[in-house]
Amino acid sequence: MRAGHGVAAWVALAALVGSAGWGVSARAQGGEAAGVVTEIKVGRGRVEVRPAGSAAWRPAGPLQSLRPGDQVRATGNAAAVVLLAGGRGSVRVDAAASPYTVPAPASGPGPTQKALQLLQASLGFLAQSGRESPTAVLATRGVSKPPVILGPRNGPVLPGPLAIEWVGSRVARYALRITGPGGVVLERAEVAGARFEYPPDGPRLASGVRYTVQVTARGHPPEQAWFEVVDAARGQAIRQDLAGVEQALGPGASTSTMAAVRVGLLASQGLFSDARAALAVALAKDPEEPTLHLLLGQIFARLGLAEQAAQAYEEAQVLSTRGRTE
């Protein structure tokens, strides 16, 4: 964590989450929100929003909900991406395209109405997120720490390849055990690093069965979490929904905006471990996107990982306010 930026300062930014859901924003009076800010690249400039009917420009925040008539502008080499409601894709706003006025959503159902409903659901979960501000967590250095399982963690997961990940040392060795109702399913000793991919030829994991993962480091008690594999029919339906969301976004959507919407849909289905894994992939490609860190913080909070959530929230705050002078 970056000590120069207190987590308490994050409250103003995190408060945006409460108005980020499509169809539930208090600002979108009389209908759905017209758009949401899915990416912010501050660079050597600023990204600001002027609400409709206001003369004041304010700093934009990740996942900020927008209503018709709101304006977005960028200065310097800063840029933002606005995802528009109604299946109208996304718009990149830079200095040359500023200010951008958010149009009203088109009325009436279209041929991709189901995809649009899925798109709304993917971001709607944000409105239900906890509104408590993260608390600062003091890290202890130089002391051997027990592993902390990141995923799968205490919830359902999609069928398919399974990777078990935890907070740990790349050079340490861990003991790993997966148990089910019938006893030990798989056991490995001396696992290097902090990731284990379930072998394709390992025992089949049945759907609807609760499994427990234990990861143990020498000198520490076991860390454990549980998971259940969703049934094949539901898994296929969710993957079809993800494809439908991608169709609704259109081919011009950026990688990070696409990832944010996919994560939102997975989270809306209670698949927080899959959402976290998708965010890890997205952040490897775009590590300085504050929206992705904000979403990661929310996913960690849903998984009960307060320290990791606070770190992700603070990273989002740092990235979204970097270079700001006020």
Protein backbone atom coordinates (compact mmCIF):
# COMPACT_ATOMS: atom_id res chain seq x y z
CA MET A 1 0.00 0.00 0.00
CA ARG A 2 1.12 3.54 -0.63
CA ALA A 3 1.37 5.14 2.78
CA GLY A 4 1.05 8.70 1.45
CA HIS A 5 -2.61 8.18 0.60
CA GLY A 6 -4.90 7.33 3.53
CA VAL A 7 -7.65 4.85 2.87
CA ALA A 8 -10.12 7.22 4.52
CA ALA A 9 -9.70 9.55 1.54
CA TRP A 10 -11.27 6.81 -0.55
CA VAL A 11 -14.74 7.41 0.90
CA ALA A 12 -15.70 10.02 -1.69
CA LEU A 13 -14.67 7.78 -4.56
CA ALA A 14 -16.24 4.63 -3.12
CA ALA A 15 -19.51 6.51 -2.65
CA LEU A 16 -19.85 6.58 -6.42
CA VAL A 17 -20.49 2.86 -6.32
CA GLY A 18 -23.89 3.45 -4.83
CA SER A 19 -25.01 5.30 -7.95
CA ALA A 20 -23.21 3.23 -10.55
CA GLY A 21 -25.88 0.59 -11.16
CA TRP A 22 -27.88 0.85 -14.37
CA GLY A 23 -31.58 1.31 -13.80
CA VAL A 24 -31.13 2.07 -10.09
CA SER A 25 -29.26 5.37 -10.05
CA ALA A 26 -30.97 8.08 -8.04
CA ARG A 27 -29.57 10.63 -10.46
CA ALA A 28 -31.26 8.98 -13.42
CA GLN A 29 -34.68 10.29 -12.58
CA GLY A 30 -37.53 8.81 -14.55
CA GLY A 31 -35.50 6.00 -16.12
CA GLU A 32 -32.22 4.24 -16.46
CA ALA A 33 -28.82 5.82 -16.31
CA ALA A 34 -27.58 6.87 -19.72
CA GLY A 35 -24.01 5.70 -19.20
CA VAL A 36 -21.22 4.87 -16.80
CA VAL A 37 -17.52 5.72 -16.72
CA THR A 38 -15.70 2.42 -17.18
CA GLU A 39 -12.15 3.67 -17.72
CA ILE A 40 -10.07 6.64 -16.62
CA LYS A 41 -6.57 7.34 -17.88
CA VAL A 42 -5.35 10.43 -16.07
CA GLY A 43 -1.89 10.70 -17.63
CA ARG A 44 -0.74 14.32 -17.51
CA GLY A 45 -4.24 15.73 -17.53
CA ARG A 46 -7.66 15.44 -15.94
CA VAL A 47 -10.97 13.72 -16.55
CA GLU A 48 -13.98 15.67 -15.31
CA VAL A 49 -17.76 15.48 -15.35
CA ARG A 50 -20.25 18.35 -15.40
CA PRO A 51 -23.75 17.24 -14.39
CA ALA A 52 -26.60 18.43 -16.57
CA GLY A 53 -27.80 21.85 -15.44
CA SER A 54 -24.62 22.57 -13.46
CA ALA A 55 -21.82 24.99 -14.23
CA ALA A 56 -19.22 23.15 -12.11
CA TRP A 57 -16.82 20.53 -13.41
CA ARG A 58 -15.88 17.81 -10.93
CA PRO A 59 -13.27 15.03 -11.08
CA ALA A 60 -14.67 11.87 -12.64
CA GLY A 61 -14.64 8.66 -10.63
CA PRO A 62 -14.46 5.00 -11.68
CA LEU A 63 -17.90 3.55 -12.40
CA GLN A 64 -19.54 6.97 -12.09
CA SER A 65 -23.13 6.90 -13.28
CA LEU A 66 -24.12 9.45 -15.92
CA ARG A 67 -27.50 10.79 -16.95
CA PRO A 68 -28.62 12.40 -20.21
CA GLY A 69 -27.06 15.82 -20.68
CA ASP A 70 -24.07 15.20 -18.40
CA GLN A 71 -20.80 16.21 -20.01
CA VAL A 72 -17.42 14.51 -19.80
CA ARG A 73 -14.16 16.18 -20.72
CA ALA A 74 -10.47 15.30 -20.69
CA THR A 75 -7.44 17.58 -20.73
CA GLY A 76 -3.83 16.99 -21.67
CA ASN A 77 -3.27 13.38 -22.60
CA ALA A 78 -5.97 12.10 -20.24
CA ALA A 79 -8.86 10.02 -21.56
CA ALA A 80 -11.97 8.22 -20.38
CA VAL A 81 -14.31 5.56 -21.70
CA VAL A 82 -18.07 5.96 -21.28
CA LEU A 83 -20.23 2.86 -21.66
CA LEU A 84 -23.63 3.93 -23.00
CA ALA A 85 -26.92 2.35 -22.03
CA GLY A 86 -29.23 0.85 -24.61
CA GLY A 87 -26.61 -1.25 -26.37
CA ARG A 88 -25.02 1.77 -28.02
CA GLY A 89 -21.49 0.67 -27.27
CA SER A 90 -18.83 2.83 -25.69
CA VAL A 91 -17.24 6.19 -26.42
CA ARG A 92 -13.65 7.23 -25.81
CA VAL A 93 -13.37 10.81 -24.62
CA ASP A 94 -10.03 12.58 -24.99
CA ALA A 95 -9.05 16.24 -25.27
CA ALA A 96 -9.92 16.36 -28.96
CA ALA A 97 -13.40 14.92 -28.34
CA SER A 98 -14.16 17.13 -25.31
CA PRO A 99 -16.62 17.95 -24.03
CA TYR A 100 -18.74 14.91 -24.75
CA THR A 101 -22.46 15.20 -23.97
CA VAL A 102 -24.11 11.97 -22.86
CA PRO A 103 -27.19 11.29 -25.01
CA ALA A 104 -30.44 9.88 -23.71
CA PRO A 105 -30.98 6.14 -24.20
CA ALA A 106 -33.14 5.18 -27.14
CA SER A 107 -36.68 4.22 -26.14
CA GLY A 108 -38.34 0.91 -26.89
CA PRO A 109 -37.04 -2.66 -26.83
CA GLY A 110 -34.64 -3.81 -29.49
CA PRO A 111 -33.71 -7.16 -30.97
CA THR A 112 -31.04 -7.65 -28.31
CA GLN A 113 -33.24 -6.86 -25.32
CA LYS A 114 -32.04 -9.89 -23.34
CA ALA A 115 -28.43 -8.88 -23.89
CA LEU A 116 -29.26 -5.37 -22.71
CA GLN A 117 -30.87 -6.78 -19.56
CA LEU A 118 -27.75 -8.82 -18.92
CA LEU A 119 -25.66 -5.72 -19.41
CA GLN A 120 -27.72 -3.91 -16.81
CA ALA A 121 -27.38 -6.83 -14.39
CA SER A 122 -23.61 -6.90 -14.83
CA LEU A 123 -23.26 -3.41 -13.43
CA GLY A 124 -26.36 -3.41 -11.23
CA PHE A 125 -24.62 -5.48 -8.55
CA LEU A 126 -22.47 -2.46 -7.76
CA ALA A 127 -25.46 -0.60 -6.36
CA GLN A 128 -25.88 -3.33 -3.75
CA SER A 129 -22.26 -3.26 -2.62
CA GLY A 130 -21.39 -2.40 0.94
CA ARG A 131 -21.09 1.30 1.61
CA GLU A 132 -18.75 1.06 4.56
CA SER A 133 -15.41 2.72 3.89
CA PRO A 134 -12.42 0.39 3.95
CA THR A 135 -10.22 0.54 7.01
CA ALA A 136 -6.48 0.86 6.85
CA VAL A 137 -4.56 -2.34 7.42
CA LEU A 138 -1.09 -2.25 8.86
CA ALA A 139 1.24 -4.69 7.17
CA THR A 140 3.85 -6.53 9.19
CA ARG A 141 7.10 -7.00 7.35
CA GLY A 142 9.83 -9.48 7.97
CA VAL A 143 7.50 -12.00 9.61
CA SER A 144 6.47 -15.28 8.05
CA LYS A 145 2.77 -15.10 7.25
CA PRO A 146 0.25 -17.88 6.75
CA PRO A 147 -1.19 -18.28 3.26
CA VAL A 148 -4.52 -16.66 2.44
CA ILE A 149 -6.66 -18.41 -0.16
CA LEU A 150 -7.85 -16.01 -2.85
CA GLY A 151 -9.83 -18.44 -4.93
CA PRO A 152 -11.84 -20.47 -5.17
CA ARG A 153 -13.14 -19.08 -1.91
CA ASN A 154 -16.41 -19.86 -0.16
CA GLY A 155 -18.75 -19.88 -3.12
CA PRO A 156 -19.69 -21.43 -6.47
CA VAL A 157 -17.34 -21.66 -9.45
CA LEU A 158 -17.93 -22.34 -13.12
CA PRO A 159 -17.15 -25.84 -14.38
CA GLY A 160 -13.93 -26.19 -16.30
CA PRO A 161 -10.25 -25.68 -15.51
CA LEU A 162 -9.71 -24.88 -11.83
CA ALA A 163 -6.78 -22.93 -10.40
CA ILE A 164 -6.26 -22.55 -6.67
CA GLU A 165 -4.48 -19.30 -5.76
CA TRP A 166 -3.38 -17.86 -2.47
CA VAL A 167 -1.29 -15.04 -1.01
CA GLY A 168 2.14 -16.49 -0.43
CA SER A 169 5.78 -16.54 -1.39
CA ARG A 170 7.01 -17.61 -4.79
CA VAL A 171 9.89 -19.47 -3.20
CA ALA A 172 8.03 -21.10 -0.30
CA ARG A 173 6.65 -24.63 -0.34
CA TYR A 174 3.07 -25.42 0.63
CA ALA A 175 1.00 -28.49 1.33
CA LEU A 176 -2.34 -28.59 -0.48
CA ARG A 177 -5.33 -30.82 0.14
CA ILE A 178 -8.80 -30.96 -1.40
CA THR A 179 -11.44 -32.91 0.46
CA GLY A 180 -15.06 -33.77 -0.26
CA PRO A 181 -17.85 -35.63 1.51
CA GLY A 182 -16.02 -38.92 0.87
CA GLY A 183 -12.65 -37.79 2.17
CA VAL A 184 -9.46 -36.65 0.45
CA VAL A 185 -9.92 -35.97 -3.28
CA LEU A 186 -6.41 -34.77 -4.06
CA GLU A 187 -3.31 -34.04 -2.01
CA ARG A 188 0.04 -32.51 -2.89
CA ALA A 189 3.08 -31.77 -0.79
CA GLU A 190 5.81 -29.23 -1.49
CA VAL A 191 3.79 -27.10 -3.91
CA ALA A 192 6.01 -24.25 -5.09
CA GLY A 193 4.69 -20.70 -5.36
CA ALA A 194 1.14 -19.55 -4.70
CA ARG A 195 -0.87 -21.21 -7.46
CA PHE A 196 -1.92 -24.77 -8.18
CA GLU A 197 -3.77 -25.85 -11.31
CA TYR A 198 -6.06 -28.79 -10.79
CA PRO A 199 -4.72 -31.55 -13.06
CA PRO A 200 -6.90 -32.49 -16.05
CA ASP A 201 -6.49 -36.16 -15.13
CA GLY A 202 -7.34 -35.59 -11.46
CA PRO A 203 -10.49 -37.00 -9.86
CA ARG A 204 -13.64 -35.50 -11.32
CA LEU A 205 -15.20 -32.73 -9.25
CA ALA A 206 -18.96 -33.24 -9.12
CA SER A 207 -21.39 -30.33 -9.38
CA GLY A 208 -23.38 -29.33 -6.32
CA VAL A 209 -20.86 -30.93 -3.95
CA ARG A 210 -19.06 -28.83 -1.37
CA TYR A 211 -15.30 -29.27 -1.45
CA THR A 212 -12.78 -27.86 1.01
CA VAL A 213 -9.34 -26.60 0.04
CA GLN A 214 -6.58 -26.51 2.63
CA VAL A 215 -3.26 -24.77 2.06
CA THR A 216 -0.63 -25.11 4.76
CA ALA A 217 2.71 -23.37 5.20
CA ARG A 218 5.34 -24.73 7.52
CA GLY A 219 4.88 -23.30 11.01
CA HIS A 220 1.29 -22.13 10.43
CA PRO A 221 -2.14 -23.70 10.86
CA PRO A 222 -3.98 -24.69 7.65
CA GLU A 223 -5.84 -21.99 5.71
CA GLN A 224 -9.02 -23.33 4.22
CA ALA A 225 -11.94 -22.32 2.03
CA TRP A 226 -14.78 -24.16 0.33
CA PHE A 227 -16.24 -24.18 -3.18
CA GLU A 228 -18.94 -25.85 -5.24
CA VAL A 229 -18.90 -26.42 -8.99
CA VAL A 230 -22.12 -25.23 -10.62
CA ASP A 231 -23.93 -27.75 -12.78
CA ALA A 232 -23.12 -27.98 -16.47
CA ALA A 233 -26.44 -26.53 -17.66
CA ARG A 234 -26.12 -23.40 -15.53
CA GLY A 235 -22.47 -23.06 -16.47
CA GLN A 236 -23.34 -23.18 -20.17
CA ALA A 237 -26.14 -20.63 -19.66
CA ILE A 238 -23.79 -18.21 -17.89
CA ARG A 239 -21.21 -18.51 -20.65
CA GLN A 240 -23.93 -17.81 -23.20
CA ASP A 241 -24.93 -14.76 -21.17
CA LEU A 242 -21.32 -13.56 -21.19
CA ALA A 243 -21.28 -13.90 -24.97
CA GLY A 244 -24.55 -11.97 -25.13
CA VAL A 245 -23.04 -9.14 -23.09
CA GLU A 246 -20.07 -8.98 -25.45
CA GLN A 247 -22.50 -8.75 -28.36
CA ALA A 248 -24.37 -5.92 -26.65
CA LEU A 249 -21.13 -4.01 -26.11
CA GLY A 250 -20.17 -4.31 -29.75
CA PRO A 251 -16.80 -4.96 -31.40
CA GLY A 252 -15.45 -1.50 -30.56
CA ALA A 253 -15.40 -2.01 -26.78
CA SER A 254 -11.96 -1.83 -25.21
CA THR A 255 -10.45 -4.79 -23.39
CA SER A 256 -10.79 -3.21 -19.93
CA THR A 257 -14.39 -2.09 -20.44
CA MET A 258 -15.27 -5.56 -21.70
CA ALA A 259 -13.56 -7.08 -18.66
CA ALA A 260 -15.41 -4.78 -16.25
CA VAL A 261 -18.78 -5.76 -17.68
CA ARG A 262 -17.91 -9.47 -17.66
CA VAL A 263 -16.81 -9.20 -14.05
CA GLY A 264 -20.03 -7.43 -13.16
CA LEU A 265 -22.12 -10.17 -14.73
CA LEU A 266 -20.16 -12.93 -12.99
CA ALA A 267 -20.51 -11.13 -9.67
CA SER A 268 -24.24 -10.62 -10.20
CA GLN A 269 -24.48 -14.43 -10.45
CA GLY A 270 -22.57 -14.89 -7.19
CA LEU A 271 -19.46 -16.14 -8.99
CA PHE A 272 -17.03 -13.93 -7.09
CA SER A 273 -14.07 -16.30 -7.43
CA ASP A 274 -14.47 -16.40 -11.21
CA ALA A 275 -14.85 -12.61 -11.22
CA ARG A 276 -11.62 -12.22 -9.26
CA ALA A 277 -9.78 -14.51 -11.67
CA ALA A 278 -11.09 -12.50 -14.64
CA LEU A 279 -9.91 -9.29 -12.99
CA ALA A 280 -6.44 -10.74 -12.46
CA VAL A 281 -6.20 -11.36 -16.21
CA ALA A 282 -7.51 -7.88 -17.04
CA LEU A 283 -5.13 -6.16 -14.61
CA ALA A 284 -2.17 -7.99 -16.10
CA LYS A 285 -3.01 -6.24 -19.38
CA ASP A 286 -4.03 -2.86 -17.93
CA PRO A 287 -2.50 -2.51 -14.44
CA GLU A 288 -3.14 1.23 -14.15
CA GLU A 289 -6.89 1.25 -14.76
CA PRO A 290 -8.57 2.43 -11.53
CA THR A 291 -11.94 0.90 -12.42
CA LEU A 292 -10.41 -2.58 -12.43
CA HIS A 293 -8.82 -1.99 -9.03
CA LEU A 294 -12.13 -0.66 -7.69
CA LEU A 295 -13.92 -3.77 -8.91
CA LEU A 296 -11.18 -5.96 -7.43
CA GLY A 297 -11.63 -4.26 -4.07
CA GLN A 298 -15.36 -4.94 -4.18
CA ILE A 299 -14.80 -8.58 -5.11
CA PHE A 300 -12.27 -9.01 -2.30
CA ALA A 301 -14.74 -7.44 0.12
CA ARG A 302 -17.43 -9.90 -0.99
CA LEU A 303 -14.94 -12.73 -0.44
CA GLY A 304 -14.23 -11.54 3.10
CA LEU A 305 -10.66 -10.43 2.36
CA ALA A 306 -10.54 -7.05 4.10
CA GLU A 307 -6.80 -6.45 3.77
CA GLN A 308 -6.73 -7.21 0.06
CA ALA A 309 -9.86 -5.09 -0.48
CA ALA A 310 -8.31 -2.09 1.28
CA GLN A 311 -5.17 -2.36 -0.82
CA ALA A 312 -7.17 -2.55 -4.06
CA TYR A 313 -9.36 0.42 -3.05
CA GLU A 314 -6.33 2.51 -2.25
CA GLU A 315 -4.65 1.63 -5.53
CA ALA A 316 -7.81 2.73 -7.37
CA GLN A 317 -7.83 6.01 -5.45
CA VAL A 318 -4.17 6.68 -6.18
CA LEU A 319 -4.54 5.96 -9.87
CA SER A 320 -7.72 7.99 -10.33
CA THR A 321 -6.36 11.07 -8.53
CA ARG A 322 -2.75 10.97 -9.69
CA GLY A 323 -1.64 14.39 -10.89
CA ARG A 324 -4.64 16.15 -9.35
CA THR A 325 -3.59 19.43 -7.78
CA GLU A 326 -6.54 20.36 -5.60
